[in-house]
Amino acid sequence: MDKTAIQSARCVPPTPLASAAINLVAERFQGVVEELRREARRIESYDPVTALRLGDAATAFCETGTSILQEWLIDTGTIPSH
């Protein structure tokens, strides 16, 4: 059996509990990103440098959170790694 076939055989839909956990983690990540961006917009007029840094932090947090969640889903066999 080749690597792809093995990965496909491992990939099963997540259980309802796992799906709920995945959704909760994704919602929490999204909430943090939205809060950082909201704060950046709020202070942009009087502190543009910090606002830019907050925007960058939101982007980095979003990318990191997505990567962590994706790695976990691959590691647990929920999604294929290709």
PDB file of N, CA and C in Angstrom:
ATOM      1  N   MET A   1       0.855  -1.170   0.000  1.00  0.00           N
ATOM      2  CA  MET A   1       0.000   0.000   0.000  1.00  0.00           C
ATOM      3  C   MET A   1       0.904   1.237   0.000  1.00  0.00           C
ATOM      4  N   ASP A   2       0.668   2.165  -0.928  1.00  0.00           N
ATOM      5  CA  ASP A   2       1.504   3.366  -0.979  1.00  0.00           C
ATOM      6  C   ASP A   2       1.081   4.366   0.103  1.00  0.00           C
ATOM      7  N   LYS A   3       1.902   5.403   0.258  1.00  0.00           N
ATOM      8  CA  LYS A   3       1.687   6.390   1.329  1.00  0.00           C
ATOM      9  C   LYS A   3       0.321   7.064   1.226  1.00  0.00           C
ATOM     10  N   THR A   4      -0.089   7.425   0.009  1.00  0.00           N
ATOM     11  CA  THR A   4      -1.381   8.085  -0.183  1.00  0.00           C
ATOM     12  C   THR A   4      -2.528   7.172   0.220  1.00  0.00           C
ATOM     13  N   ALA A   5      -2.433   5.913  -0.149  1.00  0.00           N
ATOM     14  CA  ALA A   5      -3.491   4.965   0.205  1.00  0.00           C
ATOM     15  C   ALA A   5      -3.582   4.797   1.716  1.00  0.00           C
ATOM     16  N   ILE A   6      -2.420   4.749   2.365  1.00  0.00           N
ATOM     17  CA  ILE A   6      -2.417   4.625   3.822  1.00  0.00           C
ATOM     18  C   ILE A   6      -3.052   5.856   4.458  1.00  0.00           C
ATOM     19  N   GLN A   7      -2.684   7.034   3.959  1.00  0.00           N
ATOM     20  CA  GLN A   7      -3.253   8.264   4.513  1.00  0.00           C
ATOM     21  C   GLN A   7      -4.752   8.319   4.276  1.00  0.00           C
ATOM     22  N   SER A   8      -5.190   7.916   3.089  1.00  0.00           N
ATOM     23  CA  SER A   8      -6.621   7.938   2.790  1.00  0.00           C
ATOM     24  C   SER A   8      -7.375   6.987   3.698  1.00  0.00           C
ATOM     25  N   ALA A   9      -6.770   5.838   3.965  1.00  0.00           N
ATOM     26  CA  ALA A   9      -7.422   4.865   4.832  1.00  0.00           C
ATOM     27  C   ALA A   9      -7.514   5.388   6.263  1.00  0.00           C
ATOM     28  N   ARG A  10      -6.548   6.173   6.681  1.00  0.00           N
ATOM     29  CA  ARG A  10      -6.541   6.725   8.037  1.00  0.00           C
ATOM     30  C   ARG A  10      -7.546   7.845   8.216  1.00  0.00           C
ATOM     31  N   CYS A  11      -7.868   8.561   7.157  1.00  0.00           N
ATOM     32  CA  CYS A  11      -8.711   9.750   7.265  1.00  0.00           C
ATOM     33  C   CYS A  11     -10.167   9.358   7.422  1.00  0.00           C
ATOM     34  N   VAL A  12     -10.672   9.617   8.575  1.00  0.00           N
ATOM     35  CA  VAL A  12     -12.073   9.347   8.851  1.00  0.00           C
ATOM     36  C   VAL A  12     -12.697  10.633   9.352  1.00  0.00           C
ATOM     37  N   PRO A  13     -13.980  10.791   9.163  1.00  0.00           N
ATOM     38  CA  PRO A  13     -14.615  12.010   9.673  1.00  0.00           C
ATOM     39  C   PRO A  13     -14.440  12.098  11.187  1.00  0.00           C
ATOM     40  N   PRO A  14     -14.248  13.304  11.695  1.00  0.00           N
ATOM     41  CA  PRO A  14     -14.092  13.443  13.144  1.00  0.00           C
ATOM     42  C   PRO A  14     -15.384  13.086  13.864  1.00  0.00           C
ATOM     43  N   THR A  15     -15.232  12.633  15.076  1.00  0.00           N
ATOM     44  CA  THR A  15     -16.404  12.334  15.891  1.00  0.00           C
ATOM     45  C   THR A  15     -17.134  13.642  16.187  1.00  0.00           C
ATOM     46  N   PRO A  16     -18.376  13.571  16.614  1.00  0.00           N
ATOM     47  CA  PRO A  16     -19.087  14.811  16.961  1.00  0.00           C
ATOM     48  C   PRO A  16     -18.350  15.636  18.020  1.00  0.00           C
ATOM     49  N   LEU A  17     -17.749  14.971  18.995  1.00  0.00           N
ATOM     50  CA  LEU A  17     -17.005  15.691  20.026  1.00  0.00           C
ATOM     51  C   LEU A  17     -15.778  16.373  19.427  1.00  0.00           C
ATOM     52  N   ALA A  18     -15.058  15.669  18.544  1.00  0.00           N
ATOM     53  CA  ALA A  18     -13.887  16.264  17.889  1.00  0.00           C
ATOM     54  C   ALA A  18     -14.308  17.433  17.011  1.00  0.00           C
ATOM     55  N   SER A  19     -15.413  17.286  16.295  1.00  0.00           N
ATOM     56  CA  SER A  19     -15.910  18.384  15.457  1.00  0.00           C
ATOM     57  C   SER A  19     -16.230  19.608  16.302  1.00  0.00           C
ATOM     58  N   ALA A  20     -16.858  19.379  17.438  1.00  0.00           N
ATOM     59  CA  ALA A  20     -17.190  20.490  18.332  1.00  0.00           C
ATOM     60  C   ALA A  20     -15.919  21.158  18.846  1.00  0.00           C
ATOM     61  N   ALA A  21     -14.917  20.360  19.181  1.00  0.00           N
ATOM     62  CA  ALA A  21     -13.649  20.915  19.667  1.00  0.00           C
ATOM     63  C   ALA A  21     -12.952  21.714  18.574  1.00  0.00           C
ATOM     64  N   ILE A  22     -12.941  21.181  17.366  1.00  0.00           N
ATOM     65  CA  ILE A  22     -12.329  21.878  16.229  1.00  0.00           C
ATOM     66  C   ILE A  22     -13.020  23.219  16.010  1.00  0.00           C
ATOM     67  N   ASN A  23     -14.337  23.206  16.014  1.00  0.00           N
ATOM     68  CA  ASN A  23     -15.093  24.442  15.813  1.00  0.00           C
ATOM     69  C   ASN A  23     -14.842  25.445  16.932  1.00  0.00           C
ATOM     70  N   LEU A  24     -14.768  24.975  18.161  1.00  0.00           N
ATOM     71  CA  LEU A  24     -14.521  25.861  19.297  1.00  0.00           C
ATOM     72  C   LEU A  24     -13.146  26.516  19.183  1.00  0.00           C
ATOM     73  N   VAL A  25     -12.134  25.720  18.858  1.00  0.00           N
ATOM     74  CA  VAL A  25     -10.781  26.271  18.710  1.00  0.00           C
ATOM     75  C   VAL A  25     -10.752  27.292  17.581  1.00  0.00           C
ATOM     76  N   ALA A  26     -11.359  26.962  16.457  1.00  0.00           N
ATOM     77  CA  ALA A  26     -11.384  27.889  15.316  1.00  0.00           C
ATOM     78  C   ALA A  26     -12.105  29.188  15.682  1.00  0.00           C
ATOM     79  N   GLU A  27     -13.217  29.083  16.398  1.00  0.00           N
ATOM     80  CA  GLU A  27     -13.954  30.281  16.819  1.00  0.00           C
ATOM     81  C   GLU A  27     -13.128  31.137  17.777  1.00  0.00           C
ATOM     82  N   ARG A  28     -12.408  30.497  18.683  1.00  0.00           N
ATOM     83  CA  ARG A  28     -11.574  31.245  19.626  1.00  0.00           C
ATOM     84  C   ARG A  28     -10.446  31.971  18.896  1.00  0.00           C
ATOM     85  N   PHE A  29      -9.790  31.279  17.969  1.00  0.00           N
ATOM     86  CA  PHE A  29      -8.746  31.928  17.178  1.00  0.00           C
ATOM     87  C   PHE A  29      -9.325  33.124  16.438  1.00  0.00           C
ATOM     88  N   GLN A  30     -10.476  32.939  15.807  1.00  0.00           N
ATOM     89  CA  GLN A  30     -11.105  34.018  15.053  1.00  0.00           C
ATOM     90  C   GLN A  30     -11.467  35.180  15.970  1.00  0.00           C
ATOM     91  N   GLY A  31     -11.942  34.878  17.172  1.00  0.00           N
ATOM     92  CA  GLY A  31     -12.284  35.931  18.124  1.00  0.00           C
ATOM     93  C   GLY A  31     -11.082  36.782  18.513  1.00  0.00           C
ATOM     94  N   VAL A  32      -9.949  36.137  18.729  1.00  0.00           N
ATOM     95  CA  VAL A  32      -8.726  36.880  19.073  1.00  0.00           C
ATOM     96  C   VAL A  32      -8.303  37.759  17.907  1.00  0.00           C
ATOM     97  N   VAL A  33      -8.339  37.213  16.703  1.00  0.00           N
ATOM     98  CA  VAL A  33      -7.958  37.983  15.512  1.00  0.00           C
ATOM     99  C   VAL A  33      -8.871  39.198  15.351  1.00  0.00           C
ATOM    100  N   GLU A  34     -10.176  38.998  15.495  1.00  0.00           N
ATOM    101  CA  GLU A  34     -11.119  40.107  15.361  1.00  0.00           C
ATOM    102  C   GLU A  34     -10.872  41.177  16.424  1.00  0.00           C
ATOM    103  N   GLU A  35     -10.588  40.762  17.648  1.00  0.00           N
ATOM    104  CA  GLU A  35     -10.331  41.721  18.730  1.00  0.00           C
ATOM    105  C   GLU A  35      -9.063  42.526  18.457  1.00  0.00           C
ATOM    106  N   LEU A  36      -8.014  41.877  17.992  1.00  0.00           N
ATOM    107  CA  LEU A  36      -6.782  42.598  17.650  1.00  0.00           C
ATOM    108  C   LEU A  36      -7.033  43.610  16.535  1.00  0.00           C
ATOM    109  N   ARG A  37      -7.778  43.208  15.522  1.00  0.00           N
ATOM    110  CA  ARG A  37      -8.055  44.123  14.406  1.00  0.00           C
ATOM    111  C   ARG A  37      -8.959  45.275  14.830  1.00  0.00           C
ATOM    112  N   ARG A  38      -9.923  44.995  15.706  1.00  0.00           N
ATOM    113  CA  ARG A  38     -10.812  46.045  16.219  1.00  0.00           C
ATOM    114  C   ARG A  38     -10.001  47.083  17.000  1.00  0.00           C
ATOM    115  N   GLU A  39      -9.105  46.606  17.840  1.00  0.00           N
ATOM    116  CA  GLU A  39      -8.263  47.507  18.626  1.00  0.00           C
ATOM    117  C   GLU A  39      -7.348  48.314  17.708  1.00  0.00           C
ATOM    118  N   ALA A  40      -6.820  47.696  16.672  1.00  0.00           N
ATOM    119  CA  ALA A  40      -5.962  48.418  15.720  1.00  0.00           C
ATOM    120  C   ALA A  40      -6.737  49.553  15.058  1.00  0.00           C
ATOM    121  N   ARG A  41      -7.973  49.291  14.656  1.00  0.00           N
ATOM    122  CA  ARG A  41      -8.790  50.347  14.036  1.00  0.00           C
ATOM    123  C   ARG A  41      -9.089  51.465  15.032  1.00  0.00           C
ATOM    124  N   ARG A  42      -9.317  51.089  16.289  1.00  0.00           N
ATOM    125  CA  ARG A  42      -9.662  52.078  17.313  1.00  0.00           C
ATOM    126  C   ARG A  42      -8.521  53.065  17.563  1.00  0.00           C
ATOM    127  N   ILE A  43      -7.295  52.598  17.587  1.00  0.00           N
ATOM    128  CA  ILE A  43      -6.167  53.471  17.921  1.00  0.00           C
ATOM    129  C   ILE A  43      -5.427  54.022  16.706  1.00  0.00           C
ATOM    130  N   GLU A  44      -5.866  53.654  15.529  1.00  0.00           N
ATOM    131  CA  GLU A  44      -5.136  54.032  14.313  1.00  0.00           C
ATOM    132  C   GLU A  44      -4.931  55.537  14.169  1.00  0.00           C
ATOM    133  N   SER A  45      -5.923  56.342  14.544  1.00  0.00           N
ATOM    134  CA  SER A  45      -5.815  57.788  14.332  1.00  0.00           C
ATOM    135  C   SER A  45      -4.766  58.454  15.224  1.00  0.00           C
ATOM    136  N   TYR A  46      -4.544  57.948  16.424  1.00  0.00           N
ATOM    137  CA  TYR A  46      -3.576  58.599  17.313  1.00  0.00           C
ATOM    138  C   TYR A  46      -2.308  57.779  17.565  1.00  0.00           C
ATOM    139  N   ASP A  47      -2.285  56.520  17.148  1.00  0.00           N
ATOM    140  CA  ASP A  47      -1.074  55.706  17.312  1.00  0.00           C
ATOM    141  C   ASP A  47      -0.959  54.729  16.138  1.00  0.00           C
ATOM    142  N   PRO A  48      -0.660  55.263  14.953  1.00  0.00           N
ATOM    143  CA  PRO A  48      -0.639  54.419  13.758  1.00  0.00           C
ATOM    144  C   PRO A  48       0.421  53.312  13.796  1.00  0.00           C
ATOM    145  N   VAL A  49       1.528  53.557  14.477  1.00  0.00           N
ATOM    146  CA  VAL A  49       2.582  52.534  14.535  1.00  0.00           C
ATOM    147  C   VAL A  49       2.098  51.315  15.323  1.00  0.00           C
ATOM    148  N   THR A  50       1.514  51.560  16.482  1.00  0.00           N
ATOM    149  CA  THR A  50       0.990  50.454  17.283  1.00  0.00           C
ATOM    150  C   THR A  50      -0.170  49.777  16.564  1.00  0.00           C
ATOM    151  N   ALA A  51      -1.000  50.561  15.899  1.00  0.00           N
ATOM    152  CA  ALA A  51      -2.112  49.984  15.137  1.00  0.00           C
ATOM    153  C   ALA A  51      -1.591  49.039  14.062  1.00  0.00           C
ATOM    154  N   LEU A  52      -0.536  49.441  13.380  1.00  0.00           N
ATOM    155  CA  LEU A  52       0.064  48.587  12.352  1.00  0.00           C
ATOM    156  C   LEU A  52       0.605  47.304  12.979  1.00  0.00           C
ATOM    157  N   ARG A  53       1.253  47.442  14.126  1.00  0.00           N
ATOM    158  CA  ARG A  53       1.786  46.257  14.817  1.00  0.00           C
ATOM    159  C   ARG A  53       0.668  45.317  15.251  1.00  0.00           C
ATOM    160  N   LEU A  54      -0.435  45.880  15.732  1.00  0.00           N
ATOM    161  CA  LEU A  54      -1.579  45.044  16.110  1.00  0.00           C
ATOM    162  C   LEU A  54      -2.151  44.322  14.894  1.00  0.00           C
ATOM    163  N   GLY A  55      -2.232  45.023  13.772  1.00  0.00           N
ATOM    164  CA  GLY A  55      -2.702  44.390  12.541  1.00  0.00           C
ATOM    165  C   GLY A  55      -1.789  43.254  12.117  1.00  0.00           C
ATOM    166  N   ASP A  56      -0.482  43.500  12.221  1.00  0.00           N
ATOM    167  CA  ASP A  56       0.486  42.446  11.897  1.00  0.00           C
ATOM    168  C   ASP A  56       0.363  41.270  12.866  1.00  0.00           C
ATOM    169  N   ALA A  57       0.149  41.580  14.145  1.00  0.00           N
ATOM    170  CA  ALA A  57      -0.015  40.524  15.147  1.00  0.00           C
ATOM    171  C   ALA A  57      -1.261  39.693  14.853  1.00  0.00           C
ATOM    172  N   ALA A  58      -2.335  40.354  14.445  1.00  0.00           N
ATOM    173  CA  ALA A  58      -3.565  39.636  14.104  1.00  0.00           C
ATOM    174  C   ALA A  58      -3.323  38.681  12.947  1.00  0.00           C
ATOM    175  N   THR A  59      -2.616  39.160  11.933  1.00  0.00           N
ATOM    176  CA  THR A  59      -2.319  38.316  10.775  1.00  0.00           C
ATOM    177  C   THR A  59      -1.447  37.132  11.182  1.00  0.00           C
ATOM    178  N   ALA A  60      -0.405  37.399  11.958  1.00  0.00           N
ATOM    179  CA  ALA A  60       0.499  36.329  12.399  1.00  0.00           C
ATOM    180  C   ALA A  60      -0.240  35.315  13.270  1.00  0.00           C
ATOM    181  N   PHE A  61      -1.092  35.801  14.166  1.00  0.00           N
ATOM    182  CA  PHE A  61      -1.846  34.908  15.039  1.00  0.00           C
ATOM    183  C   PHE A  61      -2.785  34.032  14.220  1.00  0.00           C
ATOM    184  N   CYS A  62      -3.432  34.626  13.238  1.00  0.00           N
ATOM    185  CA  CYS A  62      -4.344  33.877  12.376  1.00  0.00           C
ATOM    186  C   CYS A  62      -3.590  32.784  11.626  1.00  0.00           C
ATOM    187  N   GLU A  63      -2.449  33.141  11.042  1.00  0.00           N
ATOM    188  CA  GLU A  63      -1.657  32.163  10.291  1.00  0.00           C
ATOM    189  C   GLU A  63      -1.148  31.052  11.201  1.00  0.00           C
ATOM    190  N   THR A  64      -0.679  31.415  12.387  1.00  0.00           N
ATOM    191  CA  THR A  64      -0.166  30.425  13.331  1.00  0.00           C
ATOM    192  C   THR A  64      -1.282  29.510  13.817  1.00  0.00           C
ATOM    193  N   GLY A  65      -2.408  30.101  14.163  1.00  0.00           N
ATOM    194  CA  GLY A  65      -3.542  29.305  14.627  1.00  0.00           C
ATOM    195  C   GLY A  65      -4.027  28.334  13.575  1.00  0.00           C
ATOM    196  N   THR A  66      -4.095  28.793  12.346  1.00  0.00           N
ATOM    197  CA  THR A  66      -4.516  27.932  11.247  1.00  0.00           C
ATOM    198  C   THR A  66      -3.527  26.794  11.068  1.00  0.00           C
ATOM    199  N   SER A  67      -2.241  27.108  11.135  1.00  0.00           N
ATOM    200  CA  SER A  67      -1.200  26.099  10.974  1.00  0.00           C
ATOM    201  C   SER A  67      -1.257  25.056  12.089  1.00  0.00           C
ATOM    202  N   ILE A  68      -1.421  25.513  13.324  1.00  0.00           N
ATOM    203  CA  ILE A  68      -1.500  24.592  14.462  1.00  0.00           C
ATOM    204  C   ILE A  68      -2.704  23.674  14.320  1.00  0.00           C
ATOM    205  N   LEU A  69      -3.843  24.238  13.984  1.00  0.00           N
ATOM    206  CA  LEU A  69      -5.056  23.442  13.830  1.00  0.00           C
ATOM    207  C   LEU A  69      -4.900  22.444  12.691  1.00  0.00           C
ATOM    208  N   GLN A  70      -4.332  22.885  11.574  1.00  0.00           N
ATOM    209  CA  GLN A  70      -4.133  21.994  10.434  1.00  0.00           C
ATOM    210  C   GLN A  70      -3.179  20.851  10.795  1.00  0.00           C
ATOM    211  N   GLU A  71      -2.079  21.163  11.479  1.00  0.00           N
ATOM    212  CA  GLU A  71      -1.135  20.116  11.887  1.00  0.00           C
ATOM    213  C   GLU A  71      -1.810  19.096  12.798  1.00  0.00           C
ATOM    214  N   TRP A  72      -2.628  19.580  13.717  1.00  0.00           N
ATOM    215  CA  TRP A  72      -3.316  18.669  14.620  1.00  0.00           C
ATOM    216  C   TRP A  72      -4.278  17.769  13.846  1.00  0.00           C
ATOM    217  N   LEU A  73      -4.996  18.337  12.899  1.00  0.00           N
ATOM    218  CA  LEU A  73      -5.929  17.542  12.103  1.00  0.00           C
ATOM    219  C   LEU A  73      -5.194  16.492  11.279  1.00  0.00           C
ATOM    220  N   ILE A  74      -4.023  16.844  10.759  1.00  0.00           N
ATOM    221  CA  ILE A  74      -3.217  15.880  10.004  1.00  0.00           C
ATOM    222  C   ILE A  74      -2.686  14.805  10.946  1.00  0.00           C
ATOM    223  N   ASP A  75      -2.147  15.225  12.081  1.00  0.00           N
ATOM    224  CA  ASP A  75      -1.588  14.268  13.046  1.00  0.00           C
ATOM    225  C   ASP A  75      -2.622  13.273  13.542  1.00  0.00           C
ATOM    226  N   THR A  76      -3.853  13.710  13.684  1.00  0.00           N
ATOM    227  CA  THR A  76      -4.902  12.812  14.171  1.00  0.00           C
ATOM    228  C   THR A  76      -5.545  12.011  13.046  1.00  0.00           C
ATOM    229  N   GLY A  77      -5.107  12.263  11.805  1.00  0.00           N
ATOM    230  CA  GLY A  77      -5.654  11.523  10.675  1.00  0.00           C
ATOM    231  C   GLY A  77      -7.014  12.011  10.227  1.00  0.00           C
ATOM    232  N   THR A  78      -7.424  13.176  10.703  1.00  0.00           N
ATOM    233  CA  THR A  78      -8.730  13.720  10.332  1.00  0.00           C
ATOM    234  C   THR A  78      -8.729  14.227   8.899  1.00  0.00           C
ATOM    235  N   ILE A  79      -7.606  14.809   8.478  1.00  0.00           N
ATOM    236  CA  ILE A  79      -7.469  15.265   7.095  1.00  0.00           C
ATOM    237  C   ILE A  79      -6.166  14.706   6.531  1.00  0.00           C
ATOM    238  N   PRO A  80      -6.098  14.514   5.215  1.00  0.00           N
ATOM    239  CA  PRO A  80      -4.858  13.997   4.618  1.00  0.00           C
ATOM    240  C   PRO A  80      -3.762  15.052   4.638  1.00  0.00           C
ATOM    241  N   SER A  81      -2.527  14.601   4.566  1.00  0.00           N
ATOM    242  CA  SER A  81      -1.397  15.528   4.631  1.00  0.00           C
ATOM    243  C   SER A  81      -0.927  16.003   3.270  1.00  0.00           C
ATOM    244  N   HIS A  82      -1.561  15.567   2.191  1.00  0.00           N
ATOM    245  CA  HIS A  82      -1.090  16.004   0.863  1.00  0.00           C
ATOM    246  C   HIS A  82      -1.594  17.346   0.485  1.00  0.00           C
TER     247      HIS A  82
END
